[in-house]
């Protein structure tokens, strides 16, 4: 990433990687999607260039957050949450 901005090629790469994990339902979490995009943008800024490297980084992030979020989602699905 030169001069602090993503190139069109870097943006396309990030979009392709994000599309692989995007929830197709109407109940998507834009907070999660924004966080995932930010991780990839930051990684690009720190020199992570290849699509494969970004894919691995995002897979690790998604796996970590699925592990962290599972108890909360389970509790909500069992009727424990008041919305």
N, C-alpha and C. Protein backbone atom coordinates (compact mmCIF):
# COMPACT_ATOMS: atom_id res chain seq x y z
N UNK A 1 0.86 -1.16 0.00
CA UNK A 1 0.00 0.00 0.00
C UNK A 1 0.90 1.22 0.00
N UNK A 2 0.88 1.94 -1.06
CA UNK A 2 1.72 3.13 -1.13
C UNK A 2 0.91 4.36 -0.79
N UNK A 3 1.54 5.33 -0.19
CA UNK A 3 0.97 6.63 0.16
C UNK A 3 -0.26 6.55 1.06
N UNK A 4 -0.43 5.46 1.78
CA UNK A 4 -1.51 5.38 2.74
C UNK A 4 -2.87 5.01 2.18
N UNK A 5 -2.95 4.75 0.90
CA UNK A 5 -4.23 4.40 0.28
C UNK A 5 -4.14 3.02 -0.35
N UNK A 6 -5.27 2.31 -0.35
CA UNK A 6 -5.32 1.03 -1.04
C UNK A 6 -5.41 1.26 -2.53
N UNK A 7 -4.75 0.41 -3.27
CA UNK A 7 -4.87 0.47 -4.73
C UNK A 7 -6.17 -0.24 -5.13
N UNK A 8 -6.65 0.01 -6.33
CA UNK A 8 -7.85 -0.72 -6.79
C UNK A 8 -7.63 -2.24 -6.75
N UNK A 9 -6.44 -2.69 -7.08
CA UNK A 9 -6.15 -4.12 -7.05
C UNK A 9 -6.25 -4.66 -5.62
N UNK A 10 -5.72 -3.94 -4.65
CA UNK A 10 -5.80 -4.36 -3.25
C UNK A 10 -7.25 -4.38 -2.78
N UNK A 11 -8.03 -3.39 -3.18
CA UNK A 11 -9.44 -3.35 -2.79
C UNK A 11 -10.20 -4.53 -3.38
N UNK A 12 -9.92 -4.88 -4.62
CA UNK A 12 -10.58 -6.03 -5.26
C UNK A 12 -10.20 -7.33 -4.55
N UNK A 13 -8.94 -7.44 -4.15
CA UNK A 13 -8.48 -8.63 -3.44
C UNK A 13 -9.20 -8.75 -2.10
N UNK A 14 -9.29 -7.67 -1.38
CA UNK A 14 -9.98 -7.67 -0.09
C UNK A 14 -11.45 -8.02 -0.28
N UNK A 15 -12.08 -7.48 -1.29
CA UNK A 15 -13.50 -7.78 -1.54
C UNK A 15 -13.70 -9.26 -1.86
N UNK A 16 -12.81 -9.85 -2.64
CA UNK A 16 -12.92 -11.28 -2.96
C UNK A 16 -12.80 -12.13 -1.69
N UNK A 17 -11.85 -11.79 -0.84
CA UNK A 17 -11.65 -12.56 0.39
C UNK A 17 -12.85 -12.39 1.32
N UNK A 18 -13.36 -11.18 1.44
CA UNK A 18 -14.53 -10.95 2.29
C UNK A 18 -15.76 -11.68 1.77
N UNK A 19 -15.92 -11.73 0.46
CA UNK A 19 -17.09 -12.38 -0.14
C UNK A 19 -17.15 -13.87 0.22
N UNK A 20 -16.00 -14.46 0.46
CA UNK A 20 -15.95 -15.89 0.80
C UNK A 20 -16.56 -16.20 2.17
N UNK A 21 -16.58 -15.23 3.06
CA UNK A 21 -17.10 -15.47 4.42
C UNK A 21 -18.36 -14.65 4.72
N UNK A 22 -18.84 -13.90 3.75
CA UNK A 22 -20.01 -13.05 3.96
C UNK A 22 -21.26 -13.89 4.16
N UNK A 23 -22.06 -13.54 5.14
CA UNK A 23 -23.32 -14.21 5.42
C UNK A 23 -24.35 -13.76 4.38
N UNK A 24 -24.91 -14.68 3.62
CA UNK A 24 -25.85 -14.30 2.57
C UNK A 24 -27.25 -13.94 3.08
N UNK A 25 -27.52 -14.16 4.35
CA UNK A 25 -28.86 -13.91 4.87
C UNK A 25 -29.12 -12.42 5.07
N UNK A 26 -30.37 -12.10 5.27
CA UNK A 26 -30.76 -10.71 5.52
C UNK A 26 -30.36 -10.27 6.93
N UNK A 27 -30.04 -11.21 7.78
CA UNK A 27 -29.67 -10.91 9.17
C UNK A 27 -28.17 -10.75 9.36
N UNK A 28 -27.47 -10.34 8.30
CA UNK A 28 -26.02 -10.18 8.39
C UNK A 28 -25.66 -9.14 9.43
N UNK A 29 -24.49 -9.32 9.98
CA UNK A 29 -23.98 -8.38 10.97
C UNK A 29 -22.98 -7.46 10.29
N UNK A 30 -23.39 -6.22 10.09
CA UNK A 30 -22.50 -5.27 9.43
C UNK A 30 -21.34 -4.89 10.35
N UNK A 31 -21.52 -5.02 11.66
CA UNK A 31 -20.41 -4.80 12.59
C UNK A 31 -19.31 -5.83 12.36
N UNK A 32 -19.72 -7.10 12.22
CA UNK A 32 -18.74 -8.16 11.96
C UNK A 32 -18.06 -7.95 10.62
N UNK A 33 -18.85 -7.59 9.61
CA UNK A 33 -18.29 -7.38 8.27
C UNK A 33 -17.31 -6.21 8.27
N UNK A 34 -17.65 -5.15 8.98
CA UNK A 34 -16.75 -3.99 9.06
C UNK A 34 -15.45 -4.36 9.78
N UNK A 35 -15.56 -5.13 10.85
CA UNK A 35 -14.37 -5.56 11.59
C UNK A 35 -13.47 -6.43 10.70
N UNK A 36 -14.09 -7.32 9.94
CA UNK A 36 -13.32 -8.18 9.04
C UNK A 36 -12.63 -7.35 7.96
N UNK A 37 -13.34 -6.40 7.41
CA UNK A 37 -12.74 -5.53 6.39
C UNK A 37 -11.58 -4.75 6.98
N UNK A 38 -11.76 -4.23 8.18
CA UNK A 38 -10.71 -3.43 8.83
C UNK A 38 -9.45 -4.27 9.04
N UNK A 39 -9.61 -5.53 9.44
CA UNK A 39 -8.45 -6.41 9.64
C UNK A 39 -7.68 -6.58 8.34
N UNK A 40 -8.40 -6.79 7.25
CA UNK A 40 -7.73 -6.97 5.96
C UNK A 40 -7.09 -5.69 5.47
N UNK A 41 -7.75 -4.57 5.68
CA UNK A 41 -7.19 -3.28 5.28
C UNK A 41 -5.92 -3.00 6.06
N UNK A 42 -5.97 -3.22 7.37
CA UNK A 42 -4.78 -3.01 8.20
C UNK A 42 -3.64 -3.95 7.80
N UNK A 43 -3.98 -5.20 7.51
CA UNK A 43 -2.95 -6.16 7.11
C UNK A 43 -2.30 -5.73 5.79
N UNK A 44 -3.10 -5.23 4.87
CA UNK A 44 -2.55 -4.74 3.60
C UNK A 44 -1.60 -3.57 3.85
N UNK A 45 -1.98 -2.72 4.76
CA UNK A 45 -1.15 -1.57 5.10
C UNK A 45 0.16 -1.95 5.76
N UNK A 46 0.19 -3.13 6.38
CA UNK A 46 1.39 -3.59 7.07
C UNK A 46 2.21 -4.55 6.21
N UNK A 47 1.84 -4.66 4.94
CA UNK A 47 2.66 -5.43 4.02
C UNK A 47 2.13 -6.79 3.62
N UNK A 48 0.98 -7.21 4.14
CA UNK A 48 0.40 -8.49 3.71
C UNK A 48 -0.19 -8.26 2.33
N UNK A 49 0.39 -8.88 1.34
CA UNK A 49 0.03 -8.56 -0.04
C UNK A 49 -0.78 -9.63 -0.75
N UNK A 50 -0.50 -10.88 -0.48
CA UNK A 50 -1.13 -11.92 -1.29
C UNK A 50 -2.53 -12.25 -0.79
N UNK A 51 -3.34 -12.69 -1.71
CA UNK A 51 -4.71 -13.08 -1.38
C UNK A 51 -4.70 -14.27 -0.42
N UNK A 52 -3.77 -15.18 -0.61
CA UNK A 52 -3.67 -16.35 0.26
C UNK A 52 -3.36 -15.94 1.70
N UNK A 53 -2.45 -14.99 1.88
CA UNK A 53 -2.12 -14.51 3.23
C UNK A 53 -3.33 -13.85 3.88
N UNK A 54 -4.05 -13.06 3.12
CA UNK A 54 -5.25 -12.40 3.65
C UNK A 54 -6.32 -13.42 4.01
N UNK A 55 -6.45 -14.43 3.18
CA UNK A 55 -7.45 -15.48 3.42
C UNK A 55 -7.14 -16.22 4.72
N UNK A 56 -5.87 -16.54 4.96
CA UNK A 56 -5.48 -17.23 6.19
C UNK A 56 -5.75 -16.34 7.40
N UNK A 57 -5.38 -15.07 7.31
CA UNK A 57 -5.60 -14.13 8.40
C UNK A 57 -7.09 -14.02 8.73
N UNK A 58 -7.92 -13.89 7.71
CA UNK A 58 -9.36 -13.77 7.94
C UNK A 58 -9.94 -15.06 8.50
N UNK A 59 -9.48 -16.20 8.02
CA UNK A 59 -9.97 -17.48 8.54
C UNK A 59 -9.65 -17.61 10.03
N UNK A 60 -8.46 -17.18 10.44
CA UNK A 60 -8.10 -17.22 11.86
C UNK A 60 -9.00 -16.30 12.67
N UNK A 61 -9.27 -15.12 12.15
CA UNK A 61 -10.13 -14.15 12.84
C UNK A 61 -11.55 -14.71 12.98
N UNK A 62 -12.09 -15.25 11.90
CA UNK A 62 -13.45 -15.79 11.93
C UNK A 62 -13.54 -16.96 12.91
N UNK A 63 -12.56 -17.86 12.87
CA UNK A 63 -12.57 -19.01 13.78
C UNK A 63 -12.52 -18.56 15.24
N UNK A 64 -11.68 -17.59 15.53
CA UNK A 64 -11.57 -17.08 16.89
C UNK A 64 -12.91 -16.50 17.35
N UNK A 65 -13.53 -15.70 16.51
CA UNK A 65 -14.78 -15.06 16.93
C UNK A 65 -15.96 -16.02 16.96
N UNK A 66 -15.93 -17.07 16.17
CA UNK A 66 -16.98 -18.09 16.29
C UNK A 66 -16.87 -18.79 17.63
N UNK A 67 -15.65 -19.02 18.07
CA UNK A 67 -15.43 -19.65 19.38
C UNK A 67 -15.88 -18.73 20.50
N UNK A 68 -15.56 -17.45 20.39
CA UNK A 68 -15.93 -16.48 21.41
C UNK A 68 -17.44 -16.23 21.43
N UNK A 69 -18.05 -16.15 20.25
CA UNK A 69 -19.47 -15.81 20.13
C UNK A 69 -20.40 -16.99 20.40
N UNK A 70 -19.91 -18.21 20.33
CA UNK A 70 -20.79 -19.38 20.44
C UNK A 70 -21.61 -19.41 21.73
N UNK A 71 -21.03 -19.21 22.91
CA UNK A 71 -21.86 -19.26 24.13
C UNK A 71 -22.98 -18.20 24.12
N UNK A 72 -22.69 -17.01 23.64
CA UNK A 72 -23.71 -15.96 23.59
C UNK A 72 -24.83 -16.33 22.62
N UNK A 73 -24.47 -16.82 21.43
CA UNK A 73 -25.49 -17.21 20.46
C UNK A 73 -26.33 -18.37 20.98
N UNK A 74 -25.69 -19.32 21.66
CA UNK A 74 -26.42 -20.45 22.21
C UNK A 74 -27.41 -19.98 23.26
N UNK A 75 -26.98 -19.07 24.11
CA UNK A 75 -27.84 -18.52 25.15
C UNK A 75 -29.03 -17.79 24.53
N UNK A 76 -28.78 -17.00 23.51
CA UNK A 76 -29.86 -16.27 22.85
C UNK A 76 -30.84 -17.22 22.18
N UNK A 77 -30.33 -18.30 21.57
CA UNK A 77 -31.19 -19.27 20.88
C UNK A 77 -32.02 -20.10 21.85
N UNK A 78 -31.59 -20.18 23.09
CA UNK A 78 -32.33 -20.93 24.10
C UNK A 78 -33.35 -20.06 24.81
N UNK A 79 -33.48 -18.82 24.40
CA UNK A 79 -34.47 -17.95 24.99
C UNK A 79 -33.97 -17.15 26.19
N UNK A 80 -32.68 -17.11 26.39
CA UNK A 80 -32.14 -16.40 27.53
C UNK A 80 -32.02 -14.91 27.33
N UNK A 81 -32.12 -14.47 26.12
CA UNK A 81 -31.91 -13.05 25.83
C UNK A 81 -33.23 -12.34 25.60
N UNK A 82 -33.34 -11.18 26.15
CA UNK A 82 -34.50 -10.34 25.90
C UNK A 82 -34.09 -9.30 24.87
N UNK A 83 -34.78 -9.29 23.73
CA UNK A 83 -34.42 -8.34 22.67
C UNK A 83 -35.48 -7.29 22.50
